[in-house]
Amino acid sequence: MKNALKGALLSGLVFPGLGQIVLKRYLRGFALMLVVMAGLYVMIVTAVQQAYAILESIETEGGSPDSDTITQAAAQAATGSDSLVITAVSLLLVVCWIVGIIDAYRIGRQKDLKG
C-alpha cells in the first residue's frame, strides 16, 4: 500500500495523528493526538457533569427514574454554556480529523514521490 493512502486511512479511520506517526512525523502526530484526546476529555467531563445534574434533579424531586422524568431533568440541566463548549469541542475534533487526514496524505505523497 502506498504511503499516502496508508497515512490517510490511519489518520481518518483509526485516530487522528496515527498516520503522521507511521510516516515518522512524530511531533505532528503526537500534537494532533494530544489535541483530540484533550477534546474528548472535555466532552466526557461535560457529559458526566450533566448526568450528575440530572440525577440530582431526579433525587430532589423524589421521582422515579422513568424516561419522562429523565427527559425533563435533562432539559432543565442543560445550560447554554455546556452546549457551547460541546459545540466548540466537536468542531475542533472535526477540524483535527480533517487536518490529520489531509496532512498524512500530503506527507505520504511526498514520500511516495521521493521513492
Protein backbone atom coordinates (compact mmCIF):
# COMPACT_ATOMS: atom_id res chain seq x y z
CA MET A 1 0.00 0.00 0.00
CA LYS A 2 1.30 3.45 -0.84
CA ASN A 3 2.37 5.75 1.99
CA ALA A 4 -0.19 8.43 1.08
CA LEU A 5 -3.12 6.04 1.28
CA LYS A 6 -1.84 4.28 4.40
CA GLY A 7 -1.28 7.56 6.26
CA ALA A 8 -4.66 9.00 5.28
CA LEU A 9 -6.52 5.82 6.25
CA LEU A 10 -4.80 5.53 9.62
CA SER A 11 -5.49 9.18 10.47
CA GLY A 12 -9.03 9.04 9.14
CA LEU A 13 -10.28 5.65 10.28
CA VAL A 14 -8.23 4.82 13.36
CA PHE A 15 -7.16 8.02 15.15
CA PRO A 16 -6.01 11.47 14.03
CA GLY A 17 -2.24 11.67 14.15
CA LEU A 18 -1.60 7.96 13.76
CA GLY A 19 -0.87 8.36 10.05
CA GLN A 20 1.74 11.02 10.84
CA ILE A 21 3.40 8.76 13.41
CA VAL A 22 3.54 5.83 10.98
CA LEU A 23 5.08 8.18 8.41
CA LYS A 24 7.70 9.23 11.01
CA ARG A 25 6.38 12.75 11.64
CA TYR A 26 6.22 12.16 15.37
CA LEU A 27 5.78 15.74 16.60
CA ARG A 28 2.82 16.40 14.29
CA GLY A 29 1.26 13.07 15.12
CA PHE A 30 1.54 13.44 18.87
CA ALA A 31 0.34 17.06 18.70
CA LEU A 32 -2.79 16.01 16.82
CA MET A 33 -3.38 13.10 19.18
CA LEU A 34 -2.96 15.35 22.22
CA VAL A 35 -5.47 17.91 20.92
CA VAL A 36 -8.02 15.21 20.08
CA MET A 37 -7.59 13.44 23.44
CA ALA A 38 -7.96 16.76 25.29
CA GLY A 39 -11.14 17.49 23.34
CA LEU A 40 -12.56 14.05 24.09
CA TYR A 41 -11.69 14.52 27.77
CA VAL A 42 -13.57 17.84 27.88
CA MET A 43 -16.60 16.26 26.21
CA ILE A 44 -16.62 13.31 28.64
CA VAL A 45 -16.25 15.53 31.70
CA THR A 46 -19.08 17.76 30.49
CA ALA A 47 -21.33 14.75 29.83
CA VAL A 48 -20.62 13.28 33.27
CA GLN A 49 -21.36 16.63 34.94
CA GLN A 50 -24.66 16.83 33.09
CA ALA A 51 -25.50 13.26 34.12
CA TYR A 52 -24.84 14.09 37.77
CA ALA A 53 -27.02 17.19 37.49
CA ILE A 54 -29.82 15.09 36.04
CA LEU A 55 -29.52 12.52 38.81
CA GLU A 56 -29.55 15.23 41.47
CA SER A 57 -32.60 16.81 39.89
CA ILE A 58 -34.44 13.49 39.91
CA GLU A 59 -33.43 12.78 43.53
CA THR A 60 -34.59 16.20 44.79
CA GLU A 61 -37.96 15.80 43.11
CA GLY A 62 -38.35 12.32 44.56
CA GLY A 63 -39.46 10.93 41.24
CA SER A 64 -38.82 7.54 39.82
CA PRO A 65 -36.21 7.34 37.07
CA ASP A 66 -38.51 6.73 34.11
CA SER A 67 -37.89 8.14 30.65
CA ASP A 68 -40.19 11.15 31.05
CA THR A 69 -38.55 12.20 34.32
CA ILE A 70 -35.07 11.82 32.83
CA THR A 71 -36.06 13.83 29.75
CA GLN A 72 -37.47 16.67 31.84
CA ALA A 73 -34.43 16.69 34.15
CA ALA A 74 -32.08 16.69 31.16
CA ALA A 75 -33.87 19.68 29.63
CA GLN A 76 -33.54 21.58 32.91
CA ALA A 77 -29.90 20.58 33.48
CA ALA A 78 -28.63 21.59 30.04
CA THR A 79 -27.15 25.06 30.13
CA GLY A 80 -26.18 27.31 27.27
CA SER A 81 -22.51 27.32 28.24
CA ASP A 82 -22.36 23.50 28.29
CA SER A 83 -23.92 23.37 24.86
CA LEU A 84 -21.48 25.99 23.57
CA VAL A 85 -18.50 24.04 24.95
CA ILE A 86 -19.68 20.79 23.37
CA THR A 87 -20.26 22.54 20.04
CA ALA A 88 -16.83 24.20 20.07
CA VAL A 89 -15.04 20.99 21.05
CA SER A 90 -16.95 19.00 18.43
CA LEU A 91 -15.93 21.50 15.77
CA LEU A 92 -12.31 21.30 16.95
CA LEU A 93 -12.38 17.49 16.73
CA VAL A 94 -13.80 17.54 13.20
CA VAL A 95 -11.18 20.07 12.08
CA CYS A 96 -8.38 17.99 13.67
CA TRP A 97 -9.67 14.86 11.95
CA ILE A 98 -9.77 16.55 8.54
CA VAL A 99 -6.36 18.19 9.04
CA GLY A 100 -4.93 14.84 10.13
CA ILE A 101 -6.20 13.08 7.01
CA ILE A 102 -5.03 15.78 4.59
CA ASP A 103 -1.65 16.19 6.28
CA ALA A 104 -0.97 12.45 6.44
CA TYR A 105 -1.91 12.10 2.77
CA ARG A 106 0.36 15.01 1.84
CA ILE A 107 3.31 13.61 3.83
CA GLY A 108 2.77 10.16 2.35
CA ARG A 109 2.52 11.58 -1.14
CA GLN A 110 5.87 13.33 -0.69
CA LYS A 111 7.44 10.06 0.49
CA ASP A 112 5.91 8.16 -2.44
CA LEU A 113 7.30 10.65 -4.95
CA LYS A 114 10.79 10.51 -3.44
CA GLY A 115 10.76 6.80 -3.99
